[in-house]
């Protein structure tokens, strides 16, 4: 069992990580040229498979990032697209940190 101080430190680190991910997501969704998300434009939208390839991660990891809110999902019926800027930002923060790039 961890002592009380270690538990408090871990909780604070988890909170800091969540806040960092949220701020990163907010910054990446702001477009410099105010270009809206275009479902059919490959320069702004990625399929989950394409995002998986960019991140060099598993489908489960991409789904986890979607559930965390790190990646915003856009739906059209049963189909899903992800914002390219968010995926590239996640690549910088997650894939590089994990040594996958």
PDB file of N, CA and C in Angstrom:
ATOM      1  N   UNK A   1       0.839  -1.185   0.000  1.00  0.00           N
ATOM      2  CA  UNK A   1       0.000   0.000   0.000  1.00  0.00           C
ATOM      3  C   UNK A   1       0.882   1.245   0.000  1.00  0.00           C
ATOM      4  N   UNK A   2       0.502   2.215  -0.795  1.00  0.00           N
ATOM      5  CA  UNK A   2       1.269   3.454  -0.904  1.00  0.00           C
ATOM      6  C   UNK A   2       0.945   4.347   0.282  1.00  0.00           C
ATOM      7  N   UNK A   3       1.942   5.126   0.666  1.00  0.00           N
ATOM      8  CA  UNK A   3       1.649   6.045   1.764  1.00  0.00           C
ATOM      9  C   UNK A   3       0.791   7.196   1.264  1.00  0.00           C
ATOM     10  N   UNK A   4       0.280   7.972   2.203  1.00  0.00           N
ATOM     11  CA  UNK A   4      -0.686   9.029   1.883  1.00  0.00           C
ATOM     12  C   UNK A   4      -0.111  10.080   0.930  1.00  0.00           C
ATOM     13  N   UNK A   5       1.144  10.477   1.135  1.00  0.00           N
ATOM     14  CA  UNK A   5       1.756  11.500   0.280  1.00  0.00           C
ATOM     15  C   UNK A   5       1.895  11.034  -1.163  1.00  0.00           C
ATOM     16  N   UNK A   6       2.282   9.772  -1.370  1.00  0.00           N
ATOM     17  CA  UNK A   6       2.415   9.240  -2.725  1.00  0.00           C
ATOM     18  C   UNK A   6       1.072   9.232  -3.430  1.00  0.00           C
ATOM     19  N   UNK A   7       0.019   8.870  -2.714  1.00  0.00           N
ATOM     20  CA  UNK A   7      -1.319   8.838  -3.290  1.00  0.00           C
ATOM     21  C   UNK A   7      -1.761  10.238  -3.721  1.00  0.00           C
ATOM     22  N   UNK A   8      -1.497  11.230  -2.881  1.00  0.00           N
ATOM     23  CA  UNK A   8      -1.865  12.616  -3.204  1.00  0.00           C
ATOM     24  C   UNK A   8      -1.095  13.097  -4.423  1.00  0.00           C
ATOM     25  N   UNK A   9       0.196  12.786  -4.489  1.00  0.00           N
ATOM     26  CA  UNK A   9       1.024  13.196  -5.624  1.00  0.00           C
ATOM     27  C   UNK A   9       0.528  12.557  -6.914  1.00  0.00           C
ATOM     28  N   UNK A  10       0.199  11.282  -6.869  1.00  0.00           N
ATOM     29  CA  UNK A  10      -0.300  10.590  -8.063  1.00  0.00           C
ATOM     30  C   UNK A  10      -1.616  11.198  -8.521  1.00  0.00           C
ATOM     31  N   UNK A  11      -2.517  11.498  -7.593  1.00  0.00           N
ATOM     32  CA  UNK A  11      -3.792  12.112  -7.955  1.00  0.00           C
ATOM     33  C   UNK A  11      -3.581  13.476  -8.615  1.00  0.00           C
ATOM     34  N   UNK A  12      -2.647  14.251  -8.085  1.00  0.00           N
ATOM     35  CA  UNK A  12      -2.364  15.573  -8.669  1.00  0.00           C
ATOM     36  C   UNK A  12      -1.741  15.446 -10.053  1.00  0.00           C
ATOM     37  N   UNK A  13      -0.862  14.471 -10.236  1.00  0.00           N
ATOM     38  CA  UNK A  13      -0.255  14.261 -11.551  1.00  0.00           C
ATOM     39  C   UNK A  13      -1.300  13.844 -12.578  1.00  0.00           C
ATOM     40  N   UNK A  14      -2.224  12.990 -12.185  1.00  0.00           N
ATOM     41  CA  UNK A  14      -3.302  12.572 -13.095  1.00  0.00           C
ATOM     42  C   UNK A  14      -4.152  13.772 -13.470  1.00  0.00           C
ATOM     43  N   UNK A  15      -4.452  14.618 -12.497  1.00  0.00           N
ATOM     44  CA  UNK A  15      -5.247  15.819 -12.776  1.00  0.00           C
ATOM     45  C   UNK A  15      -4.507  16.767 -13.717  1.00  0.00           C
ATOM     46  N   UNK A  16      -3.208  16.931 -13.505  1.00  0.00           N
ATOM     47  CA  UNK A  16      -2.402  17.786 -14.381  1.00  0.00           C
ATOM     48  C   UNK A  16      -2.386  17.233 -15.800  1.00  0.00           C
ATOM     49  N   UNK A  17      -2.249  15.908 -15.927  1.00  0.00           N
ATOM     50  CA  UNK A  17      -2.242  15.284 -17.257  1.00  0.00           C
ATOM     51  C   UNK A  17      -3.561  15.516 -17.974  1.00  0.00           C
ATOM     52  N   UNK A  18      -4.683  15.366 -17.267  1.00  0.00           N
ATOM     53  CA  UNK A  18      -5.994  15.592 -17.877  1.00  0.00           C
ATOM     54  C   UNK A  18      -6.155  17.037 -18.322  1.00  0.00           C
ATOM     55  N   UNK A  19      -5.716  17.971 -17.490  1.00  0.00           N
ATOM     56  CA  UNK A  19      -5.809  19.382 -17.859  1.00  0.00           C
ATOM     57  C   UNK A  19      -4.933  19.713 -19.057  1.00  0.00           C
ATOM     58  N   UNK A  20      -3.742  19.135 -19.099  1.00  0.00           N
ATOM     59  CA  UNK A  20      -2.833  19.354 -20.224  1.00  0.00           C
ATOM     60  C   UNK A  20      -3.451  18.829 -21.519  1.00  0.00           C
ATOM     61  N   UNK A  21      -4.034  17.647 -21.461  1.00  0.00           N
ATOM     62  CA  UNK A  21      -4.678  17.082 -22.652  1.00  0.00           C
ATOM     63  C   UNK A  21      -5.855  17.943 -23.111  1.00  0.00           C
ATOM     64  N   UNK A  22      -6.640  18.455 -22.167  1.00  0.00           N
ATOM     65  CA  UNK A  22      -7.776  19.295 -22.514  1.00  0.00           C
ATOM     66  C   UNK A  22      -7.309  20.609 -23.151  1.00  0.00           C
ATOM     67  N   UNK A  23      -6.290  21.226 -22.583  1.00  0.00           N
ATOM     68  CA  UNK A  23      -5.770  22.468 -23.165  1.00  0.00           C
ATOM     69  C   UNK A  23      -5.187  22.237 -24.551  1.00  0.00           C
ATOM     70  N   UNK A  24      -4.483  21.124 -24.730  1.00  0.00           N
ATOM     71  CA  UNK A  24      -3.928  20.792 -26.039  1.00  0.00           C
ATOM     72  C   UNK A  24      -5.044  20.619 -27.052  1.00  0.00           C
ATOM     73  N   UNK A  25      -6.108  19.914 -26.665  1.00  0.00           N
ATOM     74  CA  UNK A  25      -7.246  19.699 -27.562  1.00  0.00           C
ATOM     75  C   UNK A  25      -7.890  21.029 -27.942  1.00  0.00           C
ATOM     76  N   UNK A  26      -8.046  21.918 -26.963  1.00  0.00           N
ATOM     77  CA  UNK A  26      -8.644  23.223 -27.248  1.00  0.00           C
ATOM     78  C   UNK A  26      -7.781  24.036 -28.205  1.00  0.00           C
ATOM     79  N   UNK A  27      -6.484  24.020 -27.992  1.00  0.00           N
ATOM     80  CA  UNK A  27      -5.589  24.770 -28.876  1.00  0.00           C
ATOM     81  C   UNK A  27      -5.589  24.209 -30.288  1.00  0.00           C
ATOM     82  N   UNK A  28      -5.649  22.885 -30.401  1.00  0.00           N
ATOM     83  CA  UNK A  28      -5.596  22.275 -31.726  1.00  0.00           C
ATOM     84  C   UNK A  28      -6.887  22.449 -32.512  1.00  0.00           C
ATOM     85  N   UNK A  29      -8.012  22.634 -31.814  1.00  0.00           N
ATOM     86  CA  UNK A  29      -9.266  22.815 -32.533  1.00  0.00           C
ATOM     87  C   UNK A  29      -9.443  24.250 -33.002  1.00  0.00           C
ATOM     88  N   UNK A  30      -8.638  25.177 -32.496  1.00  0.00           N
ATOM     89  CA  UNK A  30      -8.692  26.549 -32.976  1.00  0.00           C
ATOM     90  C   UNK A  30      -7.936  26.617 -34.293  1.00  0.00           C
ATOM     91  N   UNK A  31      -8.625  27.035 -35.324  1.00  0.00           N
ATOM     92  CA  UNK A  31      -7.971  27.124 -36.622  1.00  0.00           C
ATOM     93  C   UNK A  31      -7.497  28.548 -36.850  1.00  0.00           C
ATOM     94  N   UNK A  32      -6.321  28.664 -37.422  1.00  0.00           N
ATOM     95  CA  UNK A  32      -5.762  29.981 -37.703  1.00  0.00           C
ATOM     96  C   UNK A  32      -6.561  30.711 -38.778  1.00  0.00           C
ATOM     97  N   UNK A  33      -7.033  29.961 -39.743  1.00  0.00           N
ATOM     98  CA  UNK A  33      -7.753  30.572 -40.858  1.00  0.00           C
ATOM     99  C   UNK A  33      -9.266  30.376 -40.734  1.00  0.00           C
ATOM    100  N   UNK A  34      -9.730  29.981 -39.546  1.00  0.00           N
ATOM    101  CA  UNK A  34     -11.155  29.756 -39.275  1.00  0.00           C
ATOM    102  C   UNK A  34     -11.804  28.820 -40.282  1.00  0.00           C
ATOM    103  N   UNK A  35     -11.042  27.849 -40.713  1.00  0.00           N
ATOM    104  CA  UNK A  35     -11.547  26.885 -41.681  1.00  0.00           C
ATOM    105  C   UNK A  35     -12.408  25.850 -40.948  1.00  0.00           C
ATOM    106  N   UNK A  36     -13.671  25.671 -41.349  1.00  0.00           N
ATOM    107  CA  UNK A  36     -14.514  24.703 -40.664  1.00  0.00           C
ATOM    108  C   UNK A  36     -14.091  23.261 -40.983  1.00  0.00           C
ATOM    109  N   UNK A  37     -14.526  22.354 -40.143  1.00  0.00           N
ATOM    110  CA  UNK A  37     -14.247  20.946 -40.368  1.00  0.00           C
ATOM    111  C   UNK A  37     -15.019  20.499 -41.607  1.00  0.00           C
ATOM    112  N   UNK A  38     -14.321  19.906 -42.553  1.00  0.00           N
ATOM    113  CA  UNK A  38     -14.942  19.418 -43.785  1.00  0.00           C
ATOM    114  C   UNK A  38     -14.797  17.906 -43.832  1.00  0.00           C
ATOM    115  N   UNK A  39     -15.916  17.226 -43.709  1.00  0.00           N
ATOM    116  CA  UNK A  39     -15.952  15.763 -43.653  1.00  0.00           C
ATOM    117  C   UNK A  39     -15.231  15.126 -44.831  1.00  0.00           C
ATOM    118  N   UNK A  40     -15.419  15.652 -46.016  1.00  0.00           N
ATOM    119  CA  UNK A  40     -14.899  15.036 -47.233  1.00  0.00           C
ATOM    120  C   UNK A  40     -13.488  15.494 -47.615  1.00  0.00           C
ATOM    121  N   UNK A  41     -12.930  16.434 -46.882  1.00  0.00           N
ATOM    122  CA  UNK A  41     -11.608  16.964 -47.212  1.00  0.00           C
ATOM    123  C   UNK A  41     -10.533  16.227 -46.425  1.00  0.00           C
ATOM    124  N   UNK A  42      -9.666  15.468 -47.108  1.00  0.00           N
ATOM    125  CA  UNK A  42      -8.629  14.716 -46.394  1.00  0.00           C
ATOM    126  C   UNK A  42      -7.610  15.599 -45.678  1.00  0.00           C
ATOM    127  N   UNK A  43      -7.585  16.887 -45.990  1.00  0.00           N
ATOM    128  CA  UNK A  43      -6.650  17.768 -45.283  1.00  0.00           C
ATOM    129  C   UNK A  43      -7.184  18.171 -43.907  1.00  0.00           C
ATOM    130  N   UNK A  44      -8.476  17.935 -43.643  1.00  0.00           N
ATOM    131  CA  UNK A  44      -9.038  18.274 -42.333  1.00  0.00           C
ATOM    132  C   UNK A  44      -9.631  17.082 -41.603  1.00  0.00           C
ATOM    133  N   UNK A  45      -9.932  15.989 -42.305  1.00  0.00           N
ATOM    134  CA  UNK A  45     -10.609  14.848 -41.688  1.00  0.00           C
ATOM    135  C   UNK A  45      -9.850  13.544 -41.936  1.00  0.00           C
ATOM    136  N   UNK A  46      -9.845  12.687 -40.915  1.00  0.00           N
ATOM    137  CA  UNK A  46      -9.207  11.374 -41.023  1.00  0.00           C
ATOM    138  C   UNK A  46     -10.176  10.296 -40.567  1.00  0.00           C
ATOM    139  N   UNK A  47     -10.088   9.141 -41.183  1.00  0.00           N
ATOM    140  CA  UNK A  47     -10.818   7.987 -40.668  1.00  0.00           C
ATOM    141  C   UNK A  47     -10.063   7.477 -39.443  1.00  0.00           C
ATOM    142  N   UNK A  48     -10.691   6.595 -38.707  1.00  0.00           N
ATOM    143  CA  UNK A  48     -10.029   6.032 -37.530  1.00  0.00           C
ATOM    144  C   UNK A  48      -8.800   5.236 -37.950  1.00  0.00           C
ATOM    145  N   UNK A  49      -8.888   4.510 -39.045  1.00  0.00           N
ATOM    146  CA  UNK A  49      -7.732   3.734 -39.519  1.00  0.00           C
ATOM    147  C   UNK A  49      -6.572   4.667 -39.876  1.00  0.00           C
ATOM    148  N   UNK A  50      -6.881   5.779 -40.553  1.00  0.00           N
ATOM    149  CA  UNK A  50      -5.831   6.734 -40.904  1.00  0.00           C
ATOM    150  C   UNK A  50      -5.218   7.348 -39.641  1.00  0.00           C
ATOM    151  N   UNK A  51      -6.064   7.664 -38.665  1.00  0.00           N
ATOM    152  CA  UNK A  51      -5.564   8.220 -37.404  1.00  0.00           C
ATOM    153  C   UNK A  51      -4.683   7.210 -36.684  1.00  0.00           C
ATOM    154  N   UNK A  52      -5.083   5.956 -36.714  1.00  0.00           N
ATOM    155  CA  UNK A  52      -4.291   4.884 -36.103  1.00  0.00           C
ATOM    156  C   UNK A  52      -2.907   4.816 -36.740  1.00  0.00           C
ATOM    157  N   UNK A  53      -2.854   4.946 -38.054  1.00  0.00           N
ATOM    158  CA  UNK A  53      -1.575   4.908 -38.766  1.00  0.00           C
ATOM    159  C   UNK A  53      -0.709   6.129 -38.435  1.00  0.00           C
ATOM    160  N   UNK A  54      -1.327   7.307 -38.347  1.00  0.00           N
ATOM    161  CA  UNK A  54      -0.577   8.523 -38.019  1.00  0.00           C
ATOM    162  C   UNK A  54      -0.001   8.421 -36.608  1.00  0.00           C
ATOM    163  N   UNK A  55      -0.805   7.906 -35.672  1.00  0.00           N
ATOM    164  CA  UNK A  55      -0.373   7.801 -34.277  1.00  0.00           C
ATOM    165  C   UNK A  55       0.521   6.598 -34.017  1.00  0.00           C
ATOM    166  N   UNK A  56       0.527   5.655 -34.958  1.00  0.00           N
ATOM    167  CA  UNK A  56       1.238   4.397 -34.751  1.00  0.00           C
ATOM    168  C   UNK A  56       0.743   3.742 -33.461  1.00  0.00           C
ATOM    169  N   UNK A  57      -0.588   3.666 -33.354  1.00  0.00           N
ATOM    170  CA  UNK A  57      -1.237   3.153 -32.149  1.00  0.00           C
ATOM    171  C   UNK A  57      -2.312   2.149 -32.534  1.00  0.00           C
ATOM    172  N   UNK A  58      -2.801   1.438 -31.543  1.00  0.00           N
ATOM    173  CA  UNK A  58      -3.857   0.457 -31.780  1.00  0.00           C
ATOM    174  C   UNK A  58      -5.216   1.150 -31.900  1.00  0.00           C
ATOM    175  N   UNK A  59      -6.175   0.415 -32.411  1.00  0.00           N
ATOM    176  CA  UNK A  59      -7.549   0.923 -32.506  1.00  0.00           C
ATOM    177  C   UNK A  59      -8.082   1.222 -31.102  1.00  0.00           C
ATOM    178  N   UNK A  60      -7.734   0.366 -30.140  1.00  0.00           N
ATOM    179  CA  UNK A  60      -8.188   0.587 -28.767  1.00  0.00           C
ATOM    180  C   UNK A  60      -7.650   1.894 -28.202  1.00  0.00           C
ATOM    181  N   UNK A  61      -6.411   2.230 -28.512  1.00  0.00           N
ATOM    182  CA  UNK A  61      -5.832   3.484 -28.028  1.00  0.00           C
ATOM    183  C   UNK A  61      -6.551   4.675 -28.645  1.00  0.00           C
ATOM    184  N   UNK A  62      -6.823   4.609 -29.949  1.00  0.00           N
ATOM    185  CA  UNK A  62      -7.545   5.702 -30.619  1.00  0.00           C
ATOM    186  C   UNK A  62      -8.941   5.842 -30.009  1.00  0.00           C
ATOM    187  N   UNK A  63      -9.620   4.720 -29.786  1.00  0.00           N
ATOM    188  CA  UNK A  63     -10.950   4.772 -29.165  1.00  0.00           C
ATOM    189  C   UNK A  63     -10.871   5.344 -27.751  1.00  0.00           C
ATOM    190  N   UNK A  64      -9.829   4.994 -27.020  1.00  0.00           N
ATOM    191  CA  UNK A  64      -9.643   5.537 -25.678  1.00  0.00           C
ATOM    192  C   UNK A  64      -9.432   7.036 -25.700  1.00  0.00           C
ATOM    193  N   UNK A  65      -8.669   7.515 -26.674  1.00  0.00           N
ATOM    194  CA  UNK A  65      -8.439   8.956 -26.809  1.00  0.00           C
ATOM    195  C   UNK A  65      -9.735   9.668 -27.177  1.00  0.00           C
ATOM    196  N   UNK A  66     -10.577   9.008 -27.957  1.00  0.00           N
ATOM    197  CA  UNK A  66     -11.880   9.586 -28.299  1.00  0.00           C
ATOM    198  C   UNK A  66     -12.753   9.678 -27.059  1.00  0.00           C
ATOM    199  N   UNK A  67     -12.753   8.623 -26.238  1.00  0.00           N
ATOM    200  CA  UNK A  67     -13.569   8.619 -25.024  1.00  0.00           C
ATOM    201  C   UNK A  67     -13.073   9.635 -24.010  1.00  0.00           C
ATOM    202  N   UNK A  68     -11.753   9.844 -23.931  1.00  0.00           N
ATOM    203  CA  UNK A  68     -11.173  10.836 -23.027  1.00  0.00           C
ATOM    204  C   UNK A  68     -11.485  12.258 -23.471  1.00  0.00           C
ATOM    205  N   UNK A  69     -11.767  12.428 -24.744  1.00  0.00           N
ATOM    206  CA  UNK A  69     -12.010  13.760 -25.277  1.00  0.00           C
ATOM    207  C   UNK A  69     -10.775  14.370 -25.913  1.00  0.00           C
ATOM    208  N   UNK A  70      -9.697  13.606 -25.986  1.00  0.00           N
ATOM    209  CA  UNK A  70      -8.480  14.097 -26.626  1.00  0.00           C
ATOM    210  C   UNK A  70      -8.709  14.266 -28.122  1.00  0.00           C
ATOM    211  N   UNK A  71      -9.475  13.357 -28.705  1.00  0.00           N
ATOM    212  CA  UNK A  71      -9.826  13.419 -30.125  1.00  0.00           C
ATOM    213  C   UNK A  71     -11.333  13.593 -30.248  1.00  0.00           C
ATOM    214  N   UNK A  72     -11.749  14.565 -31.025  1.00  0.00           N
ATOM    215  CA  UNK A  72     -13.167  14.820 -31.242  1.00  0.00           C
ATOM    216  C   UNK A  72     -13.658  13.962 -32.401  1.00  0.00           C
ATOM    217  N   UNK A  73     -14.778  13.284 -32.183  1.00  0.00           N
ATOM    218  CA  UNK A  73     -15.373  12.430 -33.210  1.00  0.00           C
ATOM    219  C   UNK A  73     -16.493  13.180 -33.912  1.00  0.00           C
ATOM    220  N   UNK A  74     -16.496  13.101 -35.228  1.00  0.00           N
ATOM    221  CA  UNK A  74     -17.558  13.677 -36.044  1.00  0.00           C
ATOM    222  C   UNK A  74     -18.277  12.520 -36.727  1.00  0.00           C
ATOM    223  N   UNK A  75     -19.590  12.490 -36.587  1.00  0.00           N
ATOM    224  CA  UNK A  75     -20.369  11.364 -37.096  1.00  0.00           C
ATOM    225  C   UNK A  75     -21.212  11.760 -38.301  1.00  0.00           C
ATOM    226  N   UNK A  76     -21.323  10.821 -39.217  1.00  0.00           N
ATOM    227  CA  UNK A  76     -22.274  10.898 -40.322  1.00  0.00           C
ATOM    228  C   UNK A  76     -22.850   9.496 -40.423  1.00  0.00           C
ATOM    229  N   UNK A  77     -24.037   9.333 -39.858  1.00  0.00           N
ATOM    230  CA  UNK A  77     -24.608   7.992 -39.772  1.00  0.00           C
ATOM    231  C   UNK A  77     -23.738   7.142 -38.857  1.00  0.00           C
ATOM    232  N   UNK A  78     -23.317   5.993 -39.355  1.00  0.00           N
ATOM    233  CA  UNK A  78     -22.456   5.126 -38.545  1.00  0.00           C
ATOM    234  C   UNK A  78     -20.968   5.381 -38.794  1.00  0.00           C
ATOM    235  N   UNK A  79     -20.658   6.308 -39.691  1.00  0.00           N
ATOM    236  CA  UNK A  79     -19.268   6.592 -40.036  1.00  0.00           C
ATOM    237  C   UNK A  79     -18.695   7.697 -39.147  1.00  0.00           C
ATOM    238  N   UNK A  80     -17.394   7.606 -38.879  1.00  0.00           N
ATOM    239  CA  UNK A  80     -16.730   8.539 -37.976  1.00  0.00           C
ATOM    240  C   UNK A  80     -15.512   9.142 -38.670  1.00  0.00           C
ATOM    241  N   UNK A  81     -15.295  10.425 -38.451  1.00  0.00           N
ATOM    242  CA  UNK A  81     -14.075  11.091 -38.896  1.00  0.00           C
ATOM    243  C   UNK A  81     -13.487  11.820 -37.698  1.00  0.00           C
ATOM    244  N   UNK A  82     -12.176  12.001 -37.729  1.00  0.00           N
ATOM    245  CA  UNK A  82     -11.464  12.709 -36.676  1.00  0.00           C
ATOM    246  C   UNK A  82     -10.769  13.927 -37.276  1.00  0.00           C
ATOM    247  N   UNK A  83     -10.611  14.952 -36.469  1.00  0.00           N
ATOM    248  CA  UNK A  83      -9.955  16.181 -36.908  1.00  0.00           C
ATOM    249  C   UNK A  83      -8.456  15.920 -37.070  1.00  0.00           C
ATOM    250  N   UNK A  84      -7.933  16.194 -38.247  1.00  0.00           N
ATOM    251  CA  UNK A  84      -6.518  15.945 -38.537  1.00  0.00           C
ATOM    252  C   UNK A  84      -5.613  16.718 -37.571  1.00  0.00           C
ATOM    253  N   UNK A  85      -5.952  17.963 -37.264  1.00  0.00           N
ATOM    254  CA  UNK A  85      -5.120  18.765 -36.363  1.00  0.00           C
ATOM    255  C   UNK A  85      -5.020  18.118 -34.984  1.00  0.00           C
ATOM    256  N   UNK A  86      -6.130  17.596 -34.476  1.00  0.00           N
ATOM    257  CA  UNK A  86      -6.104  16.942 -33.171  1.00  0.00           C
ATOM    258  C   UNK A  86      -5.261  15.681 -33.209  1.00  0.00           C
ATOM    259  N   UNK A  87      -5.380  14.912 -34.288  1.00  0.00           N
ATOM    260  CA  UNK A  87      -4.604  13.675 -34.414  1.00  0.00           C
ATOM    261  C   UNK A  87      -3.111  14.003 -34.476  1.00  0.00           C
ATOM    262  N   UNK A  88      -2.754  15.015 -35.251  1.00  0.00           N
ATOM    263  CA  UNK A  88      -1.344  15.393 -35.345  1.00  0.00           C
ATOM    264  C   UNK A  88      -0.824  15.942 -34.020  1.00  0.00           C
ATOM    265  N   UNK A  89      -1.672  16.656 -33.296  1.00  0.00           N
ATOM    266  CA  UNK A  89      -1.290  17.136 -31.968  1.00  0.00           C
ATOM    267  C   UNK A  89      -1.103  15.984 -30.993  1.00  0.00           C
ATOM    268  N   UNK A  90      -2.001  15.008 -31.077  1.00  0.00           N
ATOM    269  CA  UNK A  90      -1.885  13.825 -30.220  1.00  0.00           C
ATOM    270  C   UNK A  90      -0.628  13.043 -30.579  1.00  0.00           C
ATOM    271  N   UNK A  91      -0.268  13.053 -31.845  1.00  0.00           N
ATOM    272  CA  UNK A  91       0.960  12.373 -32.272  1.00  0.00           C
ATOM    273  C   UNK A  91       2.173  13.010 -31.608  1.00  0.00           C
ATOM    274  N   UNK A  92       2.168  14.329 -31.547  1.00  0.00           N
ATOM    275  CA  UNK A  92       3.289  15.031 -30.921  1.00  0.00           C
ATOM    276  C   UNK A  92       3.355  14.757 -29.421  1.00  0.00           C
ATOM    277  N   UNK A  93       2.195  14.728 -28.773  1.00  0.00           N
ATOM    278  CA  UNK A  93       2.204  14.557 -27.319  1.00  0.00           C
ATOM    279  C   UNK A  93       2.254  13.097 -26.894  1.00  0.00           C
ATOM    280  N   UNK A  94       1.568  12.222 -27.597  1.00  0.00           N
ATOM    281  CA  UNK A  94       1.489  10.830 -27.151  1.00  0.00           C
ATOM    282  C   UNK A  94       2.516   9.932 -27.833  1.00  0.00           C
ATOM    283  N   UNK A  95       2.526   9.905 -29.152  1.00  0.00           N
ATOM    284  CA  UNK A  95       3.391   8.978 -29.872  1.00  0.00           C
ATOM    285  C   UNK A  95       4.869   9.256 -29.612  1.00  0.00           C
ATOM    286  N   UNK A  96       5.247  10.515 -29.608  1.00  0.00           N
ATOM    287  CA  UNK A  96       6.652  10.864 -29.362  1.00  0.00           C
ATOM    288  C   UNK A  96       7.018  10.508 -27.928  1.00  0.00           C
ATOM    289  N   UNK A  97       6.110  10.810 -26.992  1.00  0.00           N
ATOM    290  CA  UNK A  97       6.367  10.498 -25.582  1.00  0.00           C
ATOM    291  C   UNK A  97       6.556   8.994 -25.365  1.00  0.00           C
ATOM    292  N   UNK A  98       5.798   8.193 -26.093  1.00  0.00           N
ATOM    293  CA  UNK A  98       5.893   6.743 -25.966  1.00  0.00           C
ATOM    294  C   UNK A  98       7.025   6.146 -26.797  1.00  0.00           C
ATOM    295  N   UNK A  99       7.703   6.986 -27.582  1.00  0.00           N
ATOM    296  CA  UNK A  99       8.807   6.498 -28.403  1.00  0.00           C
ATOM    297  C   UNK A  99       8.353   5.758 -29.638  1.00  0.00           C
ATOM    298  N   UNK A 100       7.154   6.054 -30.116  1.00  0.00           N
ATOM    299  CA  UNK A 100       6.619   5.354 -31.288  1.00  0.00           C
ATOM    300  C   UNK A 100       6.926   6.076 -32.580  1.00  0.00           C
ATOM    301  N   UNK A 101       7.518   7.240 -32.495  1.00  0.00           N
ATOM    302  CA  UNK A 101       7.852   8.008 -33.700  1.00  0.00           C
ATOM    303  C   UNK A 101       9.338   8.207 -33.767  1.00  0.00           C
TER     304      UNK A 101
END
